[in-house]
Amino acid sequence: MMNKISTNFLLLLCLSLVACTSNPERQRSAGTIIDDNVLEIVIGKEIRAADEGYKGAHIVVTVYDGLVLLLGQVASEELKRLATDTTEGLSKVDAGSVHNHLTVEGPISLLARTNDSVLSGKVKTRLLAEKSVPGTKIKVKTQNAIIYLLGKITVEQADAAVAATQKSFGVRKIVKVFDYVESAE
């Protein structure tokens, strides 16, 4: 059993390292991937520690190549602003890299979250299958049927990614959280 878990973990790690890239010319380094994952955890903990009001909130933190995306639901505009301020106050977070898309409402249902996961999978599969889209360079997150696309890609690649995403049934809206880079040519 332990050997199977180790093998699965190793396979997952290898796929993560191969599938994740940050710009048209190079792949994301293992250090960048680890930094992003650790930063997600730190940001989540810091936000929750900043105020008691986050106790019943649903907060999802995603970091991809330094871009920070805050999703979920909080009880007030004040908590939404505090989440941004707390995140921007961290030394590892670059100015202007925080994209706060928290909404002021109660947490969405478990069924809605499950549907979001399925929709993310469908969109990611479509992006990977589309030849004009660098699907391995784009992270897909979904919240309440709104698709968030993150990554460091060219404007042309972003346009192709949006066009491919629009073909997925169930997408209410697409939000681009891209850091645009120059063409690799």
C-alpha atoms as a PDB file:
ATOM      1  CA  MET A   1       0.000   0.000   0.000  1.00  0.00           C
ATOM      2  CA  MET A   2       2.767   2.434   0.987  1.00  0.00           C
ATOM      3  CA  ASN A   3       4.707   1.611  -2.185  1.00  0.00           C
ATOM      4  CA  LYS A   4       1.636   2.384  -4.320  1.00  0.00           C
ATOM      5  CA  ILE A   5       1.179   5.751  -2.556  1.00  0.00           C
ATOM      6  CA  SER A   6       4.865   6.568  -3.070  1.00  0.00           C
ATOM      7  CA  THR A   7       4.653   5.625  -6.741  1.00  0.00           C
ATOM      8  CA  ASN A   8       1.505   7.712  -7.222  1.00  0.00           C
ATOM      9  CA  PHE A   9       3.095  10.686  -5.456  1.00  0.00           C
ATOM     10  CA  LEU A  10       6.219  10.418  -7.589  1.00  0.00           C
ATOM     11  CA  LEU A  11       4.138  10.180 -10.764  1.00  0.00           C
ATOM     12  CA  LEU A  12       2.084  13.211  -9.722  1.00  0.00           C
ATOM     13  CA  LEU A  13       5.234  15.185  -8.933  1.00  0.00           C
ATOM     14  CA  CYS A  14       6.794  14.320 -12.301  1.00  0.00           C
ATOM     15  CA  LEU A  15       3.625  15.267 -14.184  1.00  0.00           C
ATOM     16  CA  SER A  16       3.449  18.540 -12.287  1.00  0.00           C
ATOM     17  CA  LEU A  17       7.016  19.377 -13.168  1.00  0.00           C
ATOM     18  CA  VAL A  18       6.572  18.481 -16.833  1.00  0.00           C
ATOM     19  CA  ALA A  19       3.145  20.083 -17.297  1.00  0.00           C
ATOM     20  CA  CYS A  20       3.792  23.433 -15.656  1.00  0.00           C
ATOM     21  CA  THR A  21       5.551  26.170 -17.557  1.00  0.00           C
ATOM     22  CA  SER A  22       5.794  29.914 -17.002  1.00  0.00           C
ATOM     23  CA  ASN A  23       6.601  31.513 -20.331  1.00  0.00           C
ATOM     24  CA  PRO A  24       6.938  30.616 -23.992  1.00  0.00           C
ATOM     25  CA  GLU A  25      10.628  29.714 -23.717  1.00  0.00           C
ATOM     26  CA  ARG A  26      11.081  27.676 -20.538  1.00  0.00           C
ATOM     27  CA  GLN A  27       9.320  25.406 -18.112  1.00  0.00           C
ATOM     28  CA  ARG A  28       8.550  26.396 -14.549  1.00  0.00           C
ATOM     29  CA  SER A  29      11.251  25.240 -12.206  1.00  0.00           C
ATOM     30  CA  ALA A  30      10.566  22.881  -9.329  1.00  0.00           C
ATOM     31  CA  GLY A  31      11.498  25.754  -7.002  1.00  0.00           C
ATOM     32  CA  THR A  32       8.833  28.005  -8.525  1.00  0.00           C
ATOM     33  CA  ILE A  33       6.190  25.308  -8.191  1.00  0.00           C
ATOM     34  CA  ILE A  34       7.113  24.676  -4.556  1.00  0.00           C
ATOM     35  CA  ASP A  35       7.236  28.415  -3.800  1.00  0.00           C
ATOM     36  CA  ASP A  36       3.757  28.888  -5.278  1.00  0.00           C
ATOM     37  CA  ASN A  37       2.332  25.979  -3.271  1.00  0.00           C
ATOM     38  CA  VAL A  38       3.888  27.156  -0.009  1.00  0.00           C
ATOM     39  CA  LEU A  39       2.750  30.727  -0.647  1.00  0.00           C
ATOM     40  CA  GLU A  40      -0.834  29.511  -1.138  1.00  0.00           C
ATOM     41  CA  ILE A  41      -0.751  27.927   2.326  1.00  0.00           C
ATOM     42  CA  VAL A  42       0.874  30.963   3.962  1.00  0.00           C
ATOM     43  CA  ILE A  43      -1.592  33.404   2.402  1.00  0.00           C
ATOM     44  CA  GLY A  44      -4.564  31.277   3.457  1.00  0.00           C
ATOM     45  CA  LYS A  45      -3.323  31.062   7.046  1.00  0.00           C
ATOM     46  CA  GLU A  46      -2.504  34.774   7.221  1.00  0.00           C
ATOM     47  CA  ILE A  47      -5.921  35.795   5.891  1.00  0.00           C
ATOM     48  CA  ARG A  48      -7.745  33.557   8.369  1.00  0.00           C
ATOM     49  CA  ALA A  49      -5.584  34.813  11.245  1.00  0.00           C
ATOM     50  CA  ALA A  50      -6.260  38.461  10.338  1.00  0.00           C
ATOM     51  CA  ASP A  51      -9.883  38.503  11.577  1.00  0.00           C
ATOM     52  CA  GLU A  52     -12.426  36.292  13.379  1.00  0.00           C
ATOM     53  CA  GLY A  53     -14.925  37.044  10.597  1.00  0.00           C
ATOM     54  CA  TYR A  54     -13.189  34.580   8.292  1.00  0.00           C
ATOM     55  CA  LYS A  55     -14.288  31.677  10.501  1.00  0.00           C
ATOM     56  CA  GLY A  56     -17.316  30.741   8.360  1.00  0.00           C
ATOM     57  CA  ALA A  57     -15.905  32.017   5.085  1.00  0.00           C
ATOM     58  CA  HIS A  58     -14.982  29.903   2.076  1.00  0.00           C
ATOM     59  CA  ILE A  59     -11.618  31.136   0.801  1.00  0.00           C
ATOM     60  CA  VAL A  60      -9.576  29.622  -2.021  1.00  0.00           C
ATOM     61  CA  VAL A  61      -6.053  30.915  -2.598  1.00  0.00           C
ATOM     62  CA  THR A  62      -4.275  30.119  -5.859  1.00  0.00           C
ATOM     63  CA  VAL A  63      -0.732  31.188  -6.712  1.00  0.00           C
ATOM     64  CA  TYR A  64       0.703  30.575 -10.157  1.00  0.00           C
ATOM     65  CA  ASP A  65       4.047  32.055 -11.200  1.00  0.00           C
ATOM     66  CA  GLY A  66       3.625  34.766  -8.587  1.00  0.00           C
ATOM     67  CA  LEU A  67       0.072  35.700  -9.634  1.00  0.00           C
ATOM     68  CA  VAL A  68      -2.248  35.491  -6.611  1.00  0.00           C
ATOM     69  CA  LEU A  69      -5.950  34.764  -7.068  1.00  0.00           C
ATOM     70  CA  LEU A  70      -8.368  35.007  -4.142  1.00  0.00           C
ATOM     71  CA  LEU A  71     -11.707  33.264  -4.658  1.00  0.00           C
ATOM     72  CA  GLY A  72     -14.607  32.339  -2.434  1.00  0.00           C
ATOM     73  CA  GLN A  73     -17.157  34.015  -0.249  1.00  0.00           C
ATOM     74  CA  VAL A  74     -16.817  36.307   2.765  1.00  0.00           C
ATOM     75  CA  ALA A  75     -19.357  38.052   4.991  1.00  0.00           C
ATOM     76  CA  SER A  76     -18.491  41.704   4.243  1.00  0.00           C
ATOM     77  CA  GLU A  77     -16.705  44.157   1.969  1.00  0.00           C
ATOM     78  CA  GLU A  78     -14.390  44.913   4.891  1.00  0.00           C
ATOM     79  CA  LEU A  79     -13.255  41.273   5.030  1.00  0.00           C
ATOM     80  CA  LYS A  80     -12.764  41.279   1.262  1.00  0.00           C
ATOM     81  CA  ARG A  81     -10.517  44.366   1.483  1.00  0.00           C
ATOM     82  CA  LEU A  82      -8.665  42.936   4.478  1.00  0.00           C
ATOM     83  CA  ALA A  83      -7.881  39.781   2.487  1.00  0.00           C
ATOM     84  CA  THR A  84      -6.200  41.887  -0.196  1.00  0.00           C
ATOM     85  CA  ASP A  85      -4.337  44.041   2.339  1.00  0.00           C
ATOM     86  CA  THR A  86      -3.127  40.981   4.248  1.00  0.00           C
ATOM     87  CA  THR A  87      -1.946  39.272   1.072  1.00  0.00           C
ATOM     88  CA  GLU A  88      -0.202  42.353  -0.311  1.00  0.00           C
ATOM     89  CA  GLY A  89       1.534  42.831   3.051  1.00  0.00           C
ATOM     90  CA  LEU A  90       3.465  39.587   2.690  1.00  0.00           C
ATOM     91  CA  SER A  91       7.077  39.957   1.576  1.00  0.00           C
ATOM     92  CA  LYS A  92       6.845  37.212  -1.075  1.00  0.00           C
ATOM     93  CA  VAL A  93       3.879  38.859  -2.828  1.00  0.00           C
ATOM     94  CA  ASP A  94       4.682  41.337  -5.592  1.00  0.00           C
ATOM     95  CA  ALA A  95       2.770  44.610  -5.783  1.00  0.00           C
ATOM     96  CA  GLY A  96      -0.065  44.394  -8.287  1.00  0.00           C
ATOM     97  CA  SER A  97      -0.066  40.595  -8.415  1.00  0.00           C
ATOM     98  CA  VAL A  98      -3.121  40.083  -6.160  1.00  0.00           C
ATOM     99  CA  HIS A  99      -6.441  39.525  -7.942  1.00  0.00           C
ATOM    100  CA  ASN A 100      -9.239  39.539  -5.374  1.00  0.00           C
ATOM    101  CA  HIS A 101     -12.436  37.965  -6.705  1.00  0.00           C
ATOM    102  CA  LEU A 102     -13.980  37.174  -3.334  1.00  0.00           C
ATOM    103  CA  THR A 103     -17.722  37.770  -3.238  1.00  0.00           C
ATOM    104  CA  VAL A 104     -19.769  39.045  -0.310  1.00  0.00           C
ATOM    105  CA  GLU A 105     -22.262  36.256   0.325  1.00  0.00           C
ATOM    106  CA  GLY A 106     -22.624  32.960   2.153  1.00  0.00           C
ATOM    107  CA  PRO A 107     -20.443  30.016   1.099  1.00  0.00           C
ATOM    108  CA  ILE A 108     -21.593  28.170  -2.011  1.00  0.00           C
ATOM    109  CA  SER A 109     -22.871  24.612  -1.581  1.00  0.00           C
ATOM    110  CA  LEU A 110     -20.791  21.472  -1.763  1.00  0.00           C
ATOM    111  CA  LEU A 111     -22.722  20.513  -4.914  1.00  0.00           C
ATOM    112  CA  ALA A 112     -21.756  23.818  -6.571  1.00  0.00           C
ATOM    113  CA  ARG A 113     -18.111  23.245  -5.608  1.00  0.00           C
ATOM    114  CA  THR A 114     -18.263  19.745  -7.083  1.00  0.00           C
ATOM    115  CA  ASN A 115     -19.732  21.116 -10.308  1.00  0.00           C
ATOM    116  CA  ASP A 116     -16.957  23.718 -10.363  1.00  0.00           C
ATOM    117  CA  SER A 117     -14.340  20.968 -10.125  1.00  0.00           C
ATOM    118  CA  VAL A 118     -15.918  19.065 -13.006  1.00  0.00           C
ATOM    119  CA  LEU A 119     -16.118  22.252 -15.087  1.00  0.00           C
ATOM    120  CA  SER A 120     -12.446  23.044 -14.369  1.00  0.00           C
ATOM    121  CA  GLY A 121     -11.519  19.569 -15.582  1.00  0.00           C
ATOM    122  CA  LYS A 122     -13.515  19.964 -18.793  1.00  0.00           C
ATOM    123  CA  VAL A 123     -11.947  23.360 -19.515  1.00  0.00           C
ATOM    124  CA  LYS A 124      -8.418  22.144 -18.738  1.00  0.00           C
ATOM    125  CA  THR A 125      -8.901  19.133 -21.024  1.00  0.00           C
ATOM    126  CA  ARG A 126     -10.119  21.410 -23.805  1.00  0.00           C
ATOM    127  CA  LEU A 127      -7.118  23.743 -23.343  1.00  0.00           C
ATOM    128  CA  LEU A 128      -4.701  20.810 -23.473  1.00  0.00           C
ATOM    129  CA  ALA A 129      -6.332  19.480 -26.656  1.00  0.00           C
ATOM    130  CA  GLU A 130      -6.327  22.824 -28.491  1.00  0.00           C
ATOM    131  CA  LYS A 131      -3.155  23.175 -30.582  1.00  0.00           C
ATOM    132  CA  SER A 132      -3.129  27.001 -30.551  1.00  0.00           C
ATOM    133  CA  VAL A 133      -3.335  27.111 -26.748  1.00  0.00           C
ATOM    134  CA  PRO A 134      -0.398  26.408 -24.428  1.00  0.00           C
ATOM    135  CA  GLY A 135      -2.616  24.368 -22.091  1.00  0.00           C
ATOM    136  CA  THR A 136       0.295  23.348 -19.889  1.00  0.00           C
ATOM    137  CA  LYS A 137       1.034  27.017 -19.162  1.00  0.00           C
ATOM    138  CA  ILE A 138      -2.466  27.894 -17.945  1.00  0.00           C
ATOM    139  CA  LYS A 139      -3.982  27.129 -14.560  1.00  0.00           C
ATOM    140  CA  VAL A 140      -7.766  26.826 -14.464  1.00  0.00           C
ATOM    141  CA  LYS A 141      -9.829  27.632 -11.367  1.00  0.00           C
ATOM    142  CA  THR A 142     -13.616  27.729 -11.193  1.00  0.00           C
ATOM    143  CA  GLN A 143     -15.866  29.376  -8.636  1.00  0.00           C
ATOM    144  CA  ASN A 144     -19.642  29.318  -9.060  1.00  0.00           C
ATOM    145  CA  ALA A 145     -19.302  28.452 -12.795  1.00  0.00           C
ATOM    146  CA  ILE A 146     -16.976  31.417 -13.405  1.00  0.00           C
ATOM    147  CA  ILE A 147     -13.713  30.282 -15.016  1.00  0.00           C
ATOM    148  CA  TYR A 148     -10.462  31.969 -13.985  1.00  0.00           C
ATOM    149  CA  LEU A 149      -7.476  31.442 -16.281  1.00  0.00           C
ATOM    150  CA  LEU A 150      -4.007  32.162 -14.830  1.00  0.00           C
ATOM    151  CA  GLY A 151      -0.599  32.107 -16.420  1.00  0.00           C
ATOM    152  CA  LYS A 152       2.222  33.899 -18.188  1.00  0.00           C
ATOM    153  CA  ILE A 153       1.426  33.733 -21.894  1.00  0.00           C
ATOM    154  CA  THR A 154       1.194  35.955 -24.964  1.00  0.00           C
ATOM    155  CA  VAL A 155      -1.914  37.984 -25.837  1.00  0.00           C
ATOM    156  CA  GLU A 156      -2.549  35.736 -28.836  1.00  0.00           C
ATOM    157  CA  GLN A 157      -2.363  32.616 -26.662  1.00  0.00           C
ATOM    158  CA  ALA A 158      -4.741  34.218 -24.133  1.00  0.00           C
ATOM    159  CA  ASP A 159      -7.262  34.974 -26.875  1.00  0.00           C
ATOM    160  CA  ALA A 160      -7.066  31.384 -28.114  1.00  0.00           C
ATOM    161  CA  ALA A 161      -7.490  30.092 -24.543  1.00  0.00           C
ATOM    162  CA  VAL A 162     -10.622  32.187 -24.039  1.00  0.00           C
ATOM    163  CA  ALA A 163     -12.065  31.024 -27.367  1.00  0.00           C
ATOM    164  CA  ALA A 164     -11.460  27.385 -26.406  1.00  0.00           C
ATOM    165  CA  THR A 165     -12.900  27.904 -22.908  1.00  0.00           C
ATOM    166  CA  GLN A 166     -16.072  29.431 -24.339  1.00  0.00           C
ATOM    167  CA  LYS A 167     -16.811  26.096 -26.030  1.00  0.00           C
ATOM    168  CA  SER A 168     -17.263  24.357 -22.663  1.00  0.00           C
ATOM    169  CA  PHE A 169     -20.875  23.913 -21.588  1.00  0.00           C
ATOM    170  CA  GLY A 170     -21.738  25.487 -18.238  1.00  0.00           C
ATOM    171  CA  VAL A 171     -19.291  28.396 -18.277  1.00  0.00           C
ATOM    172  CA  ARG A 172     -21.058  31.542 -17.000  1.00  0.00           C
ATOM    173  CA  LYS A 173     -18.123  33.915 -17.361  1.00  0.00           C
ATOM    174  CA  ILE A 174     -14.378  33.869 -18.087  1.00  0.00           C
ATOM    175  CA  VAL A 175     -11.910  35.991 -16.120  1.00  0.00           C
ATOM    176  CA  LYS A 176      -8.370  36.364 -17.447  1.00  0.00           C
ATOM    177  CA  VAL A 177      -5.665  36.619 -14.777  1.00  0.00           C
ATOM    178  CA  PHE A 178      -2.722  36.618 -17.135  1.00  0.00           C
ATOM    179  CA  ASP A 179       0.687  38.183 -16.941  1.00  0.00           C
ATOM    180  CA  TYR A 180       1.359  38.816 -20.614  1.00  0.00           C
ATOM    181  CA  VAL A 181       4.782  38.071 -22.052  1.00  0.00           C
ATOM    182  CA  GLU A 182       6.313  38.904 -25.413  1.00  0.00           C
ATOM    183  CA  SER A 183       6.054  36.395 -28.210  1.00  0.00           C
ATOM    184  CA  ALA A 184       8.644  33.611 -28.240  1.00  0.00           C
ATOM    185  CA  GLU A 185       9.508  34.356 -31.864  1.00  0.00           C
END
